[in-house]
């Protein structure tokens, strides 16, 4: 969810103060944005809480380090979200992500389309967590976070067609994993 205009105006003041070394201001920024950042990284980390917590911490450390370079051209929350996703994607790259393989292209998951009961949600999270890292990243960024293939391709350093192929593969693998769970 995008930050509210009020949060954005408070963010601007806190960003300036934090960039000047005010740790309390940075702590307010952290509290205002940690849930959204953790949620995105949790999904990208394959629903692994410990890894998502590590990535969230890394993202906020990186934000603190780069805060003086924030140019106020976008909302702080947008800048922080993009920085955090980049932290997660660098982690995926560092873990030697896998190549594209063929799969089924039937749509399984559309963000916000079908409400899940708690048991179904847990099953879906586990299944997404079992996907290979790059396929999982493309699925989460496209189907859950709402990114376009060209944005995903830029961030993952791949062709837009490769992003589409990874999404195709991820959906097929997800259907297979969910089919085996029944």
Protein backbone atom coordinates (compact mmCIF):
# COMPACT_ATOMS: atom_id res chain seq x y z
CA UNK A 1 0.00 0.00 0.00
CA UNK A 2 1.35 3.41 -0.88
CA UNK A 3 2.06 5.73 2.02
CA UNK A 4 -0.51 8.42 2.71
CA UNK A 5 0.17 12.05 1.87
CA UNK A 6 0.44 12.81 5.59
CA UNK A 7 2.98 10.04 6.08
CA UNK A 8 4.85 11.37 3.04
CA UNK A 9 5.15 14.85 4.54
CA UNK A 10 6.34 13.42 7.87
CA UNK A 11 8.69 11.15 5.95
CA UNK A 12 10.30 14.12 4.20
CA UNK A 13 11.09 15.79 7.52
CA UNK A 14 12.35 12.54 9.04
CA UNK A 15 14.43 11.73 5.94
CA UNK A 16 16.18 15.09 6.14
CA UNK A 17 16.79 14.67 9.88
CA UNK A 18 17.95 11.06 9.51
CA UNK A 19 20.28 12.00 6.65
CA UNK A 20 21.85 14.49 9.07
CA UNK A 21 22.41 11.66 11.56
CA UNK A 22 19.22 11.75 13.65
CA UNK A 23 18.70 8.11 14.68
CA UNK A 24 15.29 8.82 16.22
CA UNK A 25 14.06 10.15 12.87
CA UNK A 26 15.33 7.02 11.15
CA UNK A 27 13.62 4.89 13.77
CA UNK A 28 10.32 6.64 12.95
CA UNK A 29 10.89 5.90 9.26
CA UNK A 30 11.63 2.30 10.13
CA UNK A 31 8.43 1.92 12.14
CA UNK A 32 6.35 3.56 9.41
CA UNK A 33 7.62 1.27 6.65
CA UNK A 34 8.90 -1.98 8.15
CA UNK A 35 5.66 -3.95 7.78
CA UNK A 36 5.33 -3.26 4.05
CA UNK A 37 9.01 -3.92 3.40
CA UNK A 38 9.01 -7.13 5.44
CA UNK A 39 5.88 -8.35 3.63
CA UNK A 40 7.43 -7.91 0.19
CA UNK A 41 10.71 -9.50 1.26
CA UNK A 42 8.92 -12.36 3.02
CA UNK A 43 7.23 -13.27 -0.26
CA UNK A 44 10.47 -12.90 -2.25
CA UNK A 45 12.30 -15.04 0.34
CA UNK A 46 9.88 -17.89 -0.27
CA UNK A 47 7.94 -17.30 2.96
CA UNK A 48 11.05 -17.94 5.02
CA UNK A 49 10.68 -15.74 8.12
CA UNK A 50 14.34 -15.82 9.15
CA UNK A 51 15.57 -14.96 5.67
CA UNK A 52 12.96 -12.21 5.30
CA UNK A 53 14.03 -10.73 8.64
CA UNK A 54 17.67 -10.76 7.52
CA UNK A 55 16.78 -9.15 4.20
CA UNK A 56 14.63 -6.54 5.94
CA UNK A 57 17.50 -5.69 8.25
CA UNK A 58 19.89 -5.51 5.28
CA UNK A 59 17.48 -3.23 3.44
CA UNK A 60 17.20 -0.79 6.33
CA UNK A 61 20.96 -0.81 6.87
CA UNK A 62 21.43 -0.05 3.18
CA UNK A 63 18.78 2.69 3.40
CA UNK A 64 20.61 4.28 6.33
CA UNK A 65 23.87 4.16 4.35
CA UNK A 66 22.31 5.63 1.20
CA UNK A 67 19.95 8.12 2.81
CA UNK A 68 22.12 11.10 1.96
CA UNK A 69 21.69 10.16 -1.70
CA UNK A 70 17.88 10.22 -1.54
CA UNK A 71 16.88 13.05 -3.88
CA UNK A 72 13.22 13.50 -2.81
CA UNK A 73 12.10 12.95 -6.44
CA UNK A 74 9.73 10.22 -5.28
CA UNK A 75 8.11 9.30 -1.99
CA UNK A 76 10.55 7.90 0.54
CA UNK A 77 8.37 4.77 0.84
CA UNK A 78 8.68 4.15 -2.90
CA UNK A 79 12.46 4.61 -2.80
CA UNK A 80 12.78 2.34 0.23
CA UNK A 81 10.54 -0.36 -1.30
CA UNK A 82 12.62 -0.40 -4.49
CA UNK A 83 15.85 -0.52 -2.50
CA UNK A 84 14.51 -3.43 -0.41
CA UNK A 85 13.39 -5.39 -3.46
CA UNK A 86 16.84 -4.86 -4.96
CA UNK A 87 18.39 -6.27 -1.77
CA UNK A 88 16.22 -9.38 -2.14
CA UNK A 89 16.99 -9.72 -5.85
CA UNK A 90 20.73 -9.42 -5.22
CA UNK A 91 20.35 -12.18 -2.65
CA UNK A 92 18.58 -14.35 -5.23
CA UNK A 93 21.37 -13.70 -7.75
CA UNK A 94 24.01 -14.52 -5.15
CA UNK A 95 22.34 -17.85 -4.52
CA UNK A 96 23.03 -18.87 -8.14
CA UNK A 97 19.51 -18.84 -9.55
CA UNK A 98 18.43 -21.51 -11.98
CA UNK A 99 17.80 -21.51 -15.76
CA UNK A 100 14.42 -21.39 -17.46
CA UNK A 101 12.63 -24.67 -18.11
CA UNK A 102 9.34 -25.21 -19.92
CA UNK A 103 6.13 -25.35 -17.91
CA UNK A 104 2.39 -24.93 -18.09
CA UNK A 105 1.01 -21.46 -18.68
CA UNK A 106 -2.46 -21.67 -17.17
CA UNK A 107 -3.00 -18.78 -14.80
CA UNK A 108 -3.04 -19.95 -11.22
CA UNK A 109 -2.58 -16.89 -9.12
CA UNK A 110 -3.80 -13.33 -9.60
CA UNK A 111 -3.06 -10.81 -6.88
CA UNK A 112 -6.08 -10.06 -4.77
CA UNK A 113 -8.43 -12.15 -6.90
CA UNK A 114 -9.37 -15.10 -4.69
CA UNK A 115 -9.65 -14.98 -0.92
CA UNK A 116 -7.96 -17.97 0.70
CA UNK A 117 -8.82 -19.61 3.99
CA UNK A 118 -5.92 -19.84 6.44
CA UNK A 119 -5.07 -23.45 5.54
CA UNK A 120 -5.09 -22.70 1.80
CA UNK A 121 -2.92 -19.64 2.34
CA UNK A 122 -0.35 -21.65 4.30
CA UNK A 123 -0.36 -24.34 1.59
CA UNK A 124 0.10 -21.70 -1.13
CA UNK A 125 2.92 -19.98 0.81
CA UNK A 126 4.72 -23.30 1.25
CA UNK A 127 4.32 -24.09 -2.43
CA UNK A 128 5.67 -20.68 -3.49
CA UNK A 129 8.54 -21.17 -1.06
CA UNK A 130 9.51 -24.39 -2.86
CA UNK A 131 9.87 -22.64 -6.23
CA UNK A 132 13.37 -22.02 -7.59
CA UNK A 133 14.55 -18.53 -6.58
CA UNK A 134 14.32 -16.71 -9.92
CA UNK A 135 11.00 -18.29 -10.83
CA UNK A 136 9.68 -17.38 -7.37
CA UNK A 137 10.97 -13.81 -7.73
CA UNK A 138 9.23 -13.34 -11.08
CA UNK A 139 5.98 -14.88 -9.79
CA UNK A 140 5.95 -12.74 -6.66
CA UNK A 141 6.93 -9.53 -8.45
CA UNK A 142 4.44 -10.05 -11.28
CA UNK A 143 1.42 -11.77 -9.74
CA UNK A 144 1.58 -10.45 -6.19
CA UNK A 145 3.45 -7.14 -6.32
CA UNK A 146 2.01 -6.12 -9.70
CA UNK A 147 5.24 -5.40 -11.58
CA UNK A 148 5.36 -5.45 -15.39
CA UNK A 149 7.67 -7.86 -17.22
CA UNK A 150 9.92 -5.04 -18.44
CA UNK A 151 10.42 -3.85 -14.84
CA UNK A 152 11.18 -7.39 -13.68
CA UNK A 153 13.55 -7.91 -16.59
CA UNK A 154 15.45 -4.73 -15.73
CA UNK A 155 15.76 -5.66 -12.06
CA UNK A 156 16.75 -9.29 -12.66
CA UNK A 157 19.02 -8.45 -15.61
CA UNK A 158 17.15 -10.63 -18.09
CA UNK A 159 15.13 -10.16 -21.25
CA UNK A 160 11.42 -9.43 -20.92
CA UNK A 161 10.74 -12.73 -22.71
CA UNK A 162 12.81 -14.55 -20.10
CA UNK A 163 10.68 -12.95 -17.39
CA UNK A 164 7.57 -14.24 -19.15
CA UNK A 165 9.13 -17.70 -19.48
CA UNK A 166 10.06 -17.71 -15.77
CA UNK A 167 6.50 -16.74 -14.85
CA UNK A 168 5.16 -19.50 -17.09
CA UNK A 169 7.54 -21.95 -15.44
CA UNK A 170 6.72 -20.77 -11.91
CA UNK A 171 2.99 -21.16 -12.45
CA UNK A 172 3.44 -24.66 -13.85
CA UNK A 173 5.69 -25.71 -10.99
CA UNK A 174 3.29 -24.17 -8.50
CA UNK A 175 0.37 -26.14 -9.94
CA UNK A 176 2.46 -29.31 -9.81
CA UNK A 177 3.50 -28.70 -6.18
CA UNK A 178 -0.07 -27.90 -5.15
CA UNK A 179 -1.37 -30.96 -7.03
CA UNK A 180 1.07 -33.20 -5.17
CA UNK A 181 -0.02 -31.73 -1.84
CA UNK A 182 -3.58 -33.04 -2.28
